[in-house]
Amino acid sequence: MGAGQTRTVIVSMFFVNSATDGRQIQLSGLVTADGGLSAGASETVLVDNTPVLALKMEEDHDPVSAGEPLTYDLFFSNPSSVSALNSVLSVAVPANTSFVSASDGGTASAGRVQWALGTLSPAESGRRRVTVQVNGGVGNGTVLTTDAELKDSSDPQDTARATAASSVRANNPLT
């Protein structure tokens, strides 16, 4: 490089399962030019293993009867100190049910309901809701299971998952 020119070098590091939360890591760099001139810098970073995404799912009642609606609330958040870009939330429509509705523009396709959440800022949270109808004739004791996933576009991708299960009870008329 010529006199007065600068160059920025960015180094990304990932520590997999070896750096404990709160640990300080010293990073140093040294650049040496022709003629022996050199410059150095160092920085201490603090390890933060806070998950970037969190997800919880709750059904509105359990057990549920055949023919009844069943609503799932999905609670999501970004408990970290970094933004989660291009976040997408999806939940499976359980077997033996049919899709009824989704809050906040959720769309159903290929057995899943999906919401494009966009960027989740640090400490941002929200709730989405999906309602399904339990099919008539579903047998007593059948367990309806579903899974939900929240992911972003980072590399490596941040993902949070949640599951829910509800039992079907027989519709016994009162006598």
Protein backbone atom coordinates (compact mmCIF):
# COMPACT_ATOMS: atom_id res chain seq x y z
CA MET A 1 0.00 0.00 0.00
CA GLY A 2 1.09 3.48 -0.63
CA ALA A 3 1.73 6.15 1.98
CA GLY A 4 -1.48 7.37 3.62
CA GLN A 5 -3.57 4.40 2.47
CA THR A 6 -5.52 2.29 4.93
CA ARG A 7 -7.08 -1.13 4.87
CA THR A 8 -9.63 -2.62 7.22
CA VAL A 9 -9.54 -6.30 8.05
CA ILE A 10 -12.52 -7.94 9.77
CA VAL A 11 -12.06 -11.27 11.50
CA SER A 12 -15.07 -13.29 12.66
CA MET A 13 -14.66 -16.02 15.25
CA PHE A 14 -17.03 -18.63 16.56
CA PHE A 15 -16.37 -20.54 19.77
CA VAL A 16 -18.38 -23.75 19.85
CA ASN A 17 -19.21 -25.10 23.32
CA SER A 18 -15.83 -24.11 24.71
CA ALA A 19 -16.30 -20.55 25.92
CA THR A 20 -18.27 -20.13 29.13
CA ASP A 21 -20.56 -17.18 29.65
CA GLY A 22 -18.77 -14.18 31.14
CA ARG A 23 -15.31 -15.38 30.11
CA GLN A 24 -12.95 -12.70 28.81
CA ILE A 25 -10.97 -13.46 25.67
CA GLN A 26 -7.99 -11.36 24.63
CA LEU A 27 -7.67 -10.77 20.87
CA SER A 28 -4.51 -9.25 19.39
CA GLY A 29 -3.36 -8.34 15.92
CA LEU A 30 -0.07 -7.16 14.43
CA VAL A 31 0.64 -5.76 10.98
CA THR A 32 4.19 -5.52 9.67
CA ALA A 33 5.06 -3.55 6.54
CA ASP A 34 8.09 -3.71 4.28
CA GLY A 35 10.99 -1.98 5.97
CA GLY A 36 10.08 -3.32 9.42
CA LEU A 37 7.40 -0.80 10.36
CA SER A 38 4.64 -2.40 12.42
CA ALA A 39 1.45 -1.57 14.26
CA GLY A 40 -0.58 -3.62 16.70
CA ALA A 41 -3.88 -3.57 18.48
CA SER A 42 -5.62 -5.68 21.07
CA GLU A 43 -9.14 -5.95 22.43
CA THR A 44 -10.72 -7.91 25.24
CA VAL A 45 -14.15 -9.36 24.46
CA LEU A 46 -16.69 -10.81 26.86
CA VAL A 47 -18.40 -14.11 25.94
CA ASP A 48 -22.20 -13.81 25.88
CA ASN A 49 -23.99 -17.12 25.28
CA THR A 50 -27.46 -15.61 25.55
CA PRO A 51 -29.59 -17.28 22.87
CA VAL A 52 -30.52 -14.88 20.10
CA LEU A 53 -34.04 -16.28 19.74
CA ALA A 54 -36.55 -17.73 22.22
CA LEU A 55 -39.91 -19.38 21.53
CA LYS A 56 -42.74 -20.75 23.70
CA MET A 57 -46.05 -22.27 22.57
CA GLU A 58 -49.25 -22.81 24.58
CA GLU A 59 -52.57 -24.37 23.58
CA ASP A 60 -55.77 -22.76 24.88
CA HIS A 61 -57.16 -26.01 26.34
CA ASP A 62 -56.27 -29.64 26.88
CA PRO A 63 -58.04 -31.99 26.51
CA VAL A 64 -59.97 -31.00 23.41
CA SER A 65 -63.05 -32.60 21.83
CA ALA A 66 -63.45 -33.73 18.22
CA GLY A 67 -65.07 -30.91 16.22
CA GLU A 68 -63.81 -28.18 18.56
CA PRO A 69 -61.47 -25.31 17.67
CA LEU A 70 -58.01 -25.37 19.25
CA THR A 71 -55.89 -22.22 19.47
CA TYR A 72 -52.13 -22.04 19.90
CA ASP A 73 -50.36 -18.91 21.17
CA LEU A 74 -46.73 -18.55 20.09
CA PHE A 75 -44.63 -16.22 22.24
CA PHE A 76 -41.32 -15.19 20.67
CA SER A 77 -38.48 -12.92 21.70
CA ASN A 78 -34.93 -11.84 21.07
CA PRO A 79 -33.29 -11.90 24.54
CA SER A 80 -29.84 -11.15 23.12
CA SER A 81 -27.94 -7.94 22.49
CA VAL A 82 -27.85 -8.37 18.68
CA SER A 83 -30.55 -8.06 16.02
CA ALA A 84 -32.04 -11.19 14.46
CA LEU A 85 -32.37 -10.38 10.76
CA ASN A 86 -35.11 -11.70 8.46
CA SER A 87 -36.79 -13.69 11.23
CA VAL A 88 -39.47 -16.20 10.24
CA LEU A 89 -41.88 -17.97 12.60
CA SER A 90 -43.72 -21.12 11.50
CA VAL A 91 -45.95 -23.74 13.13
CA ALA A 92 -47.23 -27.07 11.81
CA VAL A 93 -50.95 -27.67 11.43
CA PRO A 94 -51.42 -30.82 13.54
CA ALA A 95 -52.58 -34.06 11.91
CA ASN A 96 -56.35 -34.64 12.36
CA THR A 97 -57.03 -30.89 12.29
CA SER A 98 -57.69 -28.25 9.65
CA PHE A 99 -56.45 -24.66 9.53
CA VAL A 100 -59.00 -22.01 10.55
CA SER A 101 -57.15 -18.70 11.04
CA ALA A 102 -53.87 -16.98 11.91
CA SER A 103 -53.25 -13.60 13.48
CA ASP A 104 -51.08 -10.82 12.09
CA GLY A 105 -51.08 -11.92 8.45
CA GLY A 106 -49.94 -15.50 9.00
CA THR A 107 -50.37 -17.65 5.91
CA ALA A 108 -51.03 -21.39 5.66
CA SER A 109 -49.24 -23.46 3.03
CA ALA A 110 -48.13 -27.09 2.78
CA GLY A 111 -49.27 -27.94 6.30
CA ARG A 112 -47.53 -25.01 8.04
CA VAL A 113 -48.53 -21.49 9.04
CA GLN A 114 -45.83 -18.88 8.58
CA TRP A 115 -45.16 -15.28 9.58
CA ALA A 116 -42.35 -13.12 8.16
CA LEU A 117 -41.35 -11.14 11.28
CA GLY A 118 -38.50 -9.16 9.74
CA THR A 119 -35.73 -7.93 12.02
CA LEU A 120 -36.20 -8.66 15.73
CA SER A 121 -34.30 -6.03 17.68
CA PRO A 122 -32.62 -6.84 21.01
CA ALA A 123 -35.25 -7.31 23.76
CA GLU A 124 -38.11 -7.31 21.21
CA SER A 125 -40.92 -9.77 21.80
CA GLY A 126 -44.31 -10.62 20.39
CA ARG A 127 -47.15 -13.08 20.11
CA ARG A 128 -48.82 -14.79 17.18
CA ARG A 129 -51.92 -16.99 17.28
CA VAL A 130 -53.17 -19.81 15.09
CA THR A 131 -56.50 -21.63 15.35
CA VAL A 132 -57.24 -25.08 13.97
CA GLN A 133 -60.41 -27.20 14.00
CA VAL A 134 -60.14 -30.74 15.36
CA ASN A 135 -61.63 -33.05 12.75
CA GLY A 136 -64.90 -34.81 13.62
CA GLY A 137 -64.51 -38.48 14.40
CA VAL A 138 -61.02 -38.21 15.87
CA GLY A 139 -60.79 -41.01 18.43
CA ASN A 140 -60.73 -40.64 22.18
CA GLY A 141 -57.15 -40.52 23.46
CA THR A 142 -55.65 -39.33 20.17
CA VAL A 143 -52.77 -36.94 20.85
CA LEU A 144 -52.55 -33.87 18.62
CA THR A 145 -48.94 -32.70 18.39
CA THR A 146 -47.41 -29.70 16.70
CA ASP A 147 -44.05 -28.00 16.48
CA ALA A 148 -43.04 -24.39 15.95
CA GLU A 149 -39.78 -22.89 14.76
CA LEU A 150 -38.33 -19.38 14.84
CA LYS A 151 -35.22 -18.73 12.76
CA ASP A 152 -33.22 -15.85 11.36
CA SER A 153 -30.87 -15.43 8.40
CA SER A 154 -27.58 -15.16 10.30
CA ASP A 155 -24.63 -17.43 9.53
CA PRO A 156 -24.68 -19.67 11.47
CA GLN A 157 -28.47 -19.52 11.66
CA ASP A 158 -30.12 -18.88 15.02
CA THR A 159 -33.09 -21.16 15.71
CA ALA A 160 -35.58 -21.67 18.55
CA ARG A 161 -38.14 -24.48 18.69
CA ALA A 162 -41.25 -25.29 20.72
CA THR A 163 -43.77 -28.15 20.81
CA ALA A 164 -47.29 -28.66 22.12
CA ALA A 165 -49.53 -31.69 22.58
CA SER A 166 -53.26 -31.96 23.34
CA SER A 167 -55.34 -35.08 23.99
CA VAL A 168 -58.70 -35.65 22.31
CA ARG A 169 -61.47 -36.66 24.68
CA ALA A 170 -64.71 -38.35 23.66
CA ASN A 171 -67.80 -36.19 23.38
CA ASN A 172 -69.99 -37.80 26.02
CA PRO A 173 -73.44 -36.24 26.07
CA LEU A 174 -74.94 -35.61 29.48
CA THR A 175 -77.72 -38.05 30.37
